[in-house]
Amino acid sequence: MAIFDDEPVKKPKPHEIGQDLSLLSQDELAARIELLRAEITRLEAELHAKGATMSAAEALFRRG
């Protein structure tokens, strides 16, 4: 509990790379795997979008 009401409450991170996994249950491990898979999908989508933007920019500047 925070001493003052205006202090930010620290939320635990859902997953931290390299953290000790030995105390997690199978359900907790499965949940983290799903969380990380969703994050990988999100990162790949952003990477694809940035690649498409870069390709469009390169095509625009090659015309002239």
Foldseek 3Di string as FASTA:
>chain_A
DDPDPPDDDDDDDLDDPPDDCVPPDPVSVVVVVVVVVVVVVVVVVVVVVVVVVVVVVVVVVVVD
